[in-house]
Amino acid sequence: MAIDYSHFQKIDLRVGTIIEASDFKEARNPSYKLKIDFGPIGVLNSSAQITLRYKKEDLIGKQVISVINLGSKRIAGFKSQCLVLGAVSGQDVILLEPLSKIPKGQQVL
C-alpha cells in the first residue's frame, strides 16, 4: 500500500546514541529500557525488545535510528518517548544504525 510522500515527511527520524541500558523486568516480553541522547533535542527513553541479540553493556555508545515524534507511550508503567528502529529476523531484532559516526540528533532523510 503506497502512502503519499507528504505523510513520510512528517516522520522525524534522528540519530541518537544509547547512553544507558537496563533490564525491563515489568515488560511482558524480554526488553531493555534505553536512554538515548539526541544531542540538542535531549535524552529520550525507549523500550526495546532486543535482548536476544544485544547485551546491555554492548549497547552503550551504539548509535541508533529512532522516530522521535510519535508521542509518548506507557509500557508497564515506563514512559517510552521514541521508537528505536530495527529489522525483524524471526524473533530477533537487528537495530538500524549508521555505518559512520554521526552527530547526535542528526536528521535522517
N, C-alpha and C. Protein backbone atom coordinates (compact mmCIF):
# COMPACT_ATOMS: atom_id res chain seq x y z
N MET A 1 0.84 -1.18 0.00
CA MET A 1 0.00 0.00 0.00
C MET A 1 0.88 1.24 0.00
N ALA A 2 0.71 2.08 -0.97
CA ALA A 2 1.50 3.30 -1.09
C ALA A 2 0.92 4.41 -0.21
N ILE A 3 1.82 5.24 0.32
CA ILE A 3 1.38 6.42 1.06
C ILE A 3 1.86 7.65 0.31
N ASP A 4 1.22 8.73 0.57
CA ASP A 4 1.63 10.00 -0.03
C ASP A 4 2.96 10.43 0.60
N TYR A 5 3.88 10.95 -0.20
CA TYR A 5 5.20 11.35 0.30
C TYR A 5 5.09 12.37 1.43
N SER A 6 4.06 13.20 1.40
CA SER A 6 3.90 14.20 2.46
C SER A 6 3.69 13.53 3.83
N HIS A 7 3.11 12.33 3.85
CA HIS A 7 2.95 11.60 5.11
C HIS A 7 4.31 11.14 5.63
N PHE A 8 5.16 10.64 4.75
CA PHE A 8 6.51 10.21 5.13
C PHE A 8 7.31 11.38 5.69
N GLN A 9 7.16 12.56 5.09
CA GLN A 9 7.92 13.73 5.53
C GLN A 9 7.58 14.14 6.96
N LYS A 10 6.46 13.73 7.48
CA LYS A 10 6.06 14.07 8.84
C LYS A 10 6.79 13.22 9.88
N ILE A 11 7.40 12.12 9.47
CA ILE A 11 8.12 11.24 10.39
C ILE A 11 9.49 11.85 10.67
N ASP A 12 9.78 12.09 11.95
CA ASP A 12 11.06 12.70 12.34
C ASP A 12 12.02 11.60 12.78
N LEU A 13 12.88 11.19 11.85
CA LEU A 13 13.89 10.17 12.10
C LEU A 13 15.19 10.85 12.50
N ARG A 14 15.78 10.40 13.61
CA ARG A 14 17.01 11.02 14.12
C ARG A 14 18.01 9.96 14.56
N VAL A 15 19.28 10.37 14.56
CA VAL A 15 20.36 9.54 15.08
C VAL A 15 20.55 9.88 16.55
N GLY A 16 20.59 8.85 17.37
CA GLY A 16 20.85 9.03 18.79
C GLY A 16 21.88 8.03 19.26
N THR A 17 22.49 8.33 20.41
CA THR A 17 23.49 7.45 21.00
C THR A 17 22.94 6.88 22.31
N ILE A 18 22.96 5.57 22.44
CA ILE A 18 22.48 4.93 23.67
C ILE A 18 23.47 5.23 24.78
N ILE A 19 22.96 5.81 25.87
CA ILE A 19 23.84 6.15 27.00
C ILE A 19 23.55 5.28 28.23
N GLU A 20 22.43 4.58 28.21
CA GLU A 20 22.10 3.71 29.33
C GLU A 20 21.16 2.60 28.86
N ALA A 21 21.40 1.39 29.35
CA ALA A 21 20.53 0.24 29.04
C ALA A 21 20.35 -0.56 30.33
N SER A 22 19.09 -0.87 30.65
CA SER A 22 18.82 -1.65 31.86
C SER A 22 17.70 -2.65 31.57
N ASP A 23 17.66 -3.70 32.38
CA ASP A 23 16.62 -4.72 32.22
C ASP A 23 15.24 -4.10 32.48
N PHE A 24 14.26 -4.52 31.71
CA PHE A 24 12.88 -4.05 31.87
C PHE A 24 12.07 -5.25 32.36
N LYS A 25 12.19 -5.53 33.65
CA LYS A 25 11.58 -6.73 34.24
C LYS A 25 10.06 -6.70 34.20
N GLU A 26 9.45 -5.51 34.19
CA GLU A 26 7.99 -5.40 34.21
C GLU A 26 7.36 -5.65 32.83
N ALA A 27 8.15 -5.62 31.79
CA ALA A 27 7.63 -5.80 30.42
C ALA A 27 7.14 -7.23 30.21
N ARG A 28 6.13 -7.37 29.39
CA ARG A 28 5.57 -8.69 29.05
C ARG A 28 6.60 -9.57 28.33
N ASN A 29 7.30 -8.97 27.37
CA ASN A 29 8.32 -9.67 26.61
C ASN A 29 9.69 -9.17 27.04
N PRO A 30 10.72 -10.03 26.99
CA PRO A 30 12.06 -9.59 27.39
C PRO A 30 12.47 -8.32 26.65
N SER A 31 12.82 -7.30 27.42
CA SER A 31 13.12 -5.98 26.85
C SER A 31 14.16 -5.26 27.69
N TYR A 32 14.71 -4.19 27.09
CA TYR A 32 15.57 -3.26 27.81
C TYR A 32 14.90 -1.90 27.87
N LYS A 33 15.20 -1.15 28.92
CA LYS A 33 14.88 0.27 28.99
C LYS A 33 16.14 0.98 28.50
N LEU A 34 15.98 1.87 27.51
CA LEU A 34 17.10 2.59 26.95
C LEU A 34 16.97 4.08 27.21
N LYS A 35 18.09 4.74 27.46
CA LYS A 35 18.17 6.20 27.46
C LYS A 35 19.03 6.55 26.26
N ILE A 36 18.49 7.39 25.38
CA ILE A 36 19.17 7.71 24.13
C ILE A 36 19.38 9.21 24.05
N ASP A 37 20.62 9.61 23.80
CA ASP A 37 21.00 11.01 23.71
C ASP A 37 20.88 11.48 22.27
N PHE A 38 20.00 12.46 22.04
CA PHE A 38 19.80 13.04 20.72
C PHE A 38 20.40 14.44 20.63
N GLY A 39 21.45 14.69 21.40
CA GLY A 39 22.15 15.98 21.34
C GLY A 39 21.25 17.13 21.70
N PRO A 40 21.10 18.11 20.79
CA PRO A 40 20.31 19.31 21.10
C PRO A 40 18.83 19.03 21.39
N ILE A 41 18.34 17.87 20.98
CA ILE A 41 16.94 17.50 21.22
C ILE A 41 16.76 17.01 22.66
N GLY A 42 17.82 16.44 23.23
CA GLY A 42 17.78 15.94 24.60
C GLY A 42 17.87 14.43 24.67
N VAL A 43 17.68 13.92 25.88
CA VAL A 43 17.73 12.48 26.14
C VAL A 43 16.30 11.96 26.21
N LEU A 44 16.02 10.91 25.45
CA LEU A 44 14.69 10.30 25.42
C LEU A 44 14.78 8.84 25.84
N ASN A 45 13.69 8.35 26.43
CA ASN A 45 13.59 6.95 26.84
C ASN A 45 12.93 6.11 25.76
N SER A 46 13.32 4.84 25.71
CA SER A 46 12.67 3.90 24.80
C SER A 46 12.73 2.51 25.40
N SER A 47 11.76 1.70 25.05
CA SER A 47 11.76 0.29 25.40
C SER A 47 12.06 -0.49 24.12
N ALA A 48 12.92 -1.49 24.23
CA ALA A 48 13.30 -2.24 23.03
C ALA A 48 13.40 -3.73 23.33
N GLN A 49 12.76 -4.53 22.50
CA GLN A 49 12.80 -5.99 22.62
C GLN A 49 13.99 -6.52 21.81
N ILE A 50 15.18 -6.27 22.33
CA ILE A 50 16.41 -6.60 21.60
C ILE A 50 17.34 -7.49 22.43
N THR A 51 16.78 -8.20 23.41
CA THR A 51 17.60 -8.97 24.35
C THR A 51 18.22 -10.23 23.74
N LEU A 52 17.66 -10.74 22.64
CA LEU A 52 18.22 -11.95 22.02
C LEU A 52 19.59 -11.68 21.40
N ARG A 53 19.76 -10.51 20.80
CA ARG A 53 20.98 -10.21 20.05
C ARG A 53 21.97 -9.36 20.83
N TYR A 54 21.49 -8.49 21.71
CA TYR A 54 22.35 -7.49 22.34
C TYR A 54 22.44 -7.66 23.85
N LYS A 55 23.64 -7.50 24.37
CA LYS A 55 23.86 -7.41 25.81
C LYS A 55 23.81 -5.94 26.19
N LYS A 56 23.31 -5.65 27.38
CA LYS A 56 23.17 -4.25 27.82
C LYS A 56 24.48 -3.49 27.68
N GLU A 57 25.57 -4.09 28.14
CA GLU A 57 26.85 -3.38 28.13
C GLU A 57 27.35 -3.09 26.72
N ASP A 58 26.94 -3.90 25.75
CA ASP A 58 27.37 -3.68 24.36
C ASP A 58 26.56 -2.57 23.67
N LEU A 59 25.45 -2.19 24.26
CA LEU A 59 24.60 -1.15 23.66
C LEU A 59 25.10 0.26 23.97
N ILE A 60 25.83 0.42 25.06
CA ILE A 60 26.30 1.74 25.46
C ILE A 60 27.24 2.30 24.39
N GLY A 61 26.92 3.50 23.91
CA GLY A 61 27.72 4.15 22.87
C GLY A 61 27.28 3.82 21.46
N LYS A 62 26.38 2.85 21.30
CA LYS A 62 25.89 2.47 19.97
C LYS A 62 24.94 3.54 19.44
N GLN A 63 25.12 3.93 18.21
CA GLN A 63 24.21 4.88 17.57
C GLN A 63 23.07 4.12 16.92
N VAL A 64 21.87 4.68 17.05
CA VAL A 64 20.67 4.05 16.50
C VAL A 64 19.82 5.09 15.79
N ILE A 65 18.94 4.60 14.93
CA ILE A 65 17.98 5.45 14.23
C ILE A 65 16.64 5.30 14.96
N SER A 66 16.01 6.42 15.27
CA SER A 66 14.74 6.39 16.01
C SER A 66 13.75 7.39 15.44
N VAL A 67 12.48 7.09 15.63
CA VAL A 67 11.41 8.03 15.33
C VAL A 67 11.14 8.77 16.63
N ILE A 68 11.23 10.11 16.59
CA ILE A 68 11.11 10.86 17.85
C ILE A 68 9.82 11.66 17.97
N ASN A 69 8.95 11.60 16.97
CA ASN A 69 7.73 12.43 17.05
C ASN A 69 6.44 11.60 17.04
N LEU A 70 6.49 10.43 17.64
CA LEU A 70 5.27 9.62 17.75
C LEU A 70 4.50 9.90 19.04
N GLY A 71 5.08 10.70 19.91
CA GLY A 71 4.46 10.94 21.21
C GLY A 71 4.91 9.86 22.18
N SER A 72 4.54 10.00 23.43
CA SER A 72 4.92 9.05 24.47
C SER A 72 3.93 7.90 24.55
N LYS A 73 4.44 6.75 25.00
CA LYS A 73 3.59 5.58 25.20
C LYS A 73 4.01 4.93 26.51
N ARG A 74 3.03 4.61 27.35
CA ARG A 74 3.30 3.93 28.62
C ARG A 74 3.35 2.43 28.37
N ILE A 75 4.45 1.81 28.77
CA ILE A 75 4.62 0.37 28.65
C ILE A 75 4.97 -0.15 30.04
N ALA A 76 4.05 -0.87 30.66
CA ALA A 76 4.25 -1.41 32.01
C ALA A 76 4.75 -0.32 32.97
N GLY A 77 4.14 0.87 32.88
CA GLY A 77 4.49 1.97 33.77
C GLY A 77 5.70 2.80 33.33
N PHE A 78 6.37 2.39 32.26
CA PHE A 78 7.55 3.09 31.75
C PHE A 78 7.13 4.00 30.60
N LYS A 79 7.60 5.24 30.60
CA LYS A 79 7.26 6.21 29.55
C LYS A 79 8.28 6.11 28.42
N SER A 80 7.86 5.49 27.32
CA SER A 80 8.70 5.38 26.13
C SER A 80 8.43 6.61 25.25
N GLN A 81 9.49 7.34 24.90
CA GLN A 81 9.34 8.62 24.20
C GLN A 81 9.77 8.58 22.75
N CYS A 82 10.38 7.50 22.31
CA CYS A 82 10.80 7.38 20.91
C CYS A 82 10.77 5.91 20.53
N LEU A 83 10.76 5.65 19.24
CA LEU A 83 10.73 4.29 18.71
C LEU A 83 12.06 4.00 18.02
N VAL A 84 12.82 3.08 18.60
CA VAL A 84 14.08 2.66 18.00
C VAL A 84 13.76 1.71 16.85
N LEU A 85 14.38 1.94 15.70
CA LEU A 85 14.08 1.13 14.52
C LEU A 85 15.00 -0.08 14.40
N GLY A 86 14.43 -1.18 13.96
CA GLY A 86 15.20 -2.39 13.74
C GLY A 86 14.51 -3.26 12.71
N ALA A 87 15.29 -4.15 12.13
CA ALA A 87 14.76 -5.12 11.18
C ALA A 87 14.49 -6.42 11.93
N VAL A 88 13.34 -7.04 11.66
CA VAL A 88 12.95 -8.26 12.35
C VAL A 88 13.38 -9.46 11.51
N SER A 89 14.08 -10.38 12.18
CA SER A 89 14.52 -11.62 11.54
C SER A 89 14.10 -12.76 12.46
N GLY A 90 12.97 -13.39 12.15
CA GLY A 90 12.41 -14.41 13.05
C GLY A 90 11.93 -13.72 14.32
N GLN A 91 12.47 -14.11 15.47
CA GLN A 91 12.14 -13.45 16.73
C GLN A 91 13.20 -12.44 17.13
N ASP A 92 14.23 -12.32 16.34
CA ASP A 92 15.36 -11.43 16.61
C ASP A 92 15.13 -10.06 15.97
N VAL A 93 15.63 -9.02 16.62
CA VAL A 93 15.56 -7.67 16.08
C VAL A 93 16.99 -7.15 15.93
N ILE A 94 17.30 -6.65 14.74
CA ILE A 94 18.62 -6.10 14.44
C ILE A 94 18.46 -4.58 14.31
N LEU A 95 19.11 -3.86 15.20
CA LEU A 95 18.99 -2.40 15.22
C LEU A 95 19.51 -1.78 13.93
N LEU A 96 18.83 -0.73 13.48
CA LEU A 96 19.32 0.07 12.35
C LEU A 96 20.28 1.10 12.92
N GLU A 97 21.48 1.15 12.35
CA GLU A 97 22.48 2.08 12.84
C GLU A 97 23.29 2.63 11.67
N PRO A 98 23.79 3.85 11.81
CA PRO A 98 24.61 4.42 10.73
C PRO A 98 25.94 3.67 10.61
N LEU A 99 26.48 3.66 9.39
CA LEU A 99 27.77 2.99 9.15
C LEU A 99 28.94 3.80 9.71
N SER A 100 28.76 5.11 9.80
CA SER A 100 29.79 6.00 10.33
C SER A 100 29.22 6.79 11.49
N LYS A 101 30.10 7.31 12.35
CA LYS A 101 29.66 8.13 13.48
C LYS A 101 28.99 9.39 12.93
N ILE A 102 27.83 9.72 13.47
CA ILE A 102 27.02 10.86 13.03
C ILE A 102 26.77 11.74 14.26
N PRO A 103 26.71 13.06 14.09
CA PRO A 103 26.37 13.91 15.25
C PRO A 103 25.00 13.54 15.84
N LYS A 104 24.94 13.50 17.18
CA LYS A 104 23.69 13.17 17.87
C LYS A 104 22.61 14.17 17.47
N GLY A 105 21.43 13.64 17.18
CA GLY A 105 20.30 14.49 16.80
C GLY A 105 20.19 14.73 15.30
N GLN A 106 21.17 14.27 14.54
CA GLN A 106 21.15 14.47 13.08
C GLN A 106 19.88 13.86 12.49
N GLN A 107 19.24 14.59 11.63
CA GLN A 107 18.02 14.10 10.99
C GLN A 107 18.36 13.11 9.89
N VAL A 108 17.55 12.07 9.78
CA VAL A 108 17.69 11.07 8.73
C VAL A 108 16.66 11.39 7.67
N LEU A 109 17.12 11.54 6.44
CA LEU A 109 16.22 11.89 5.33
C LEU A 109 16.02 10.74 4.39
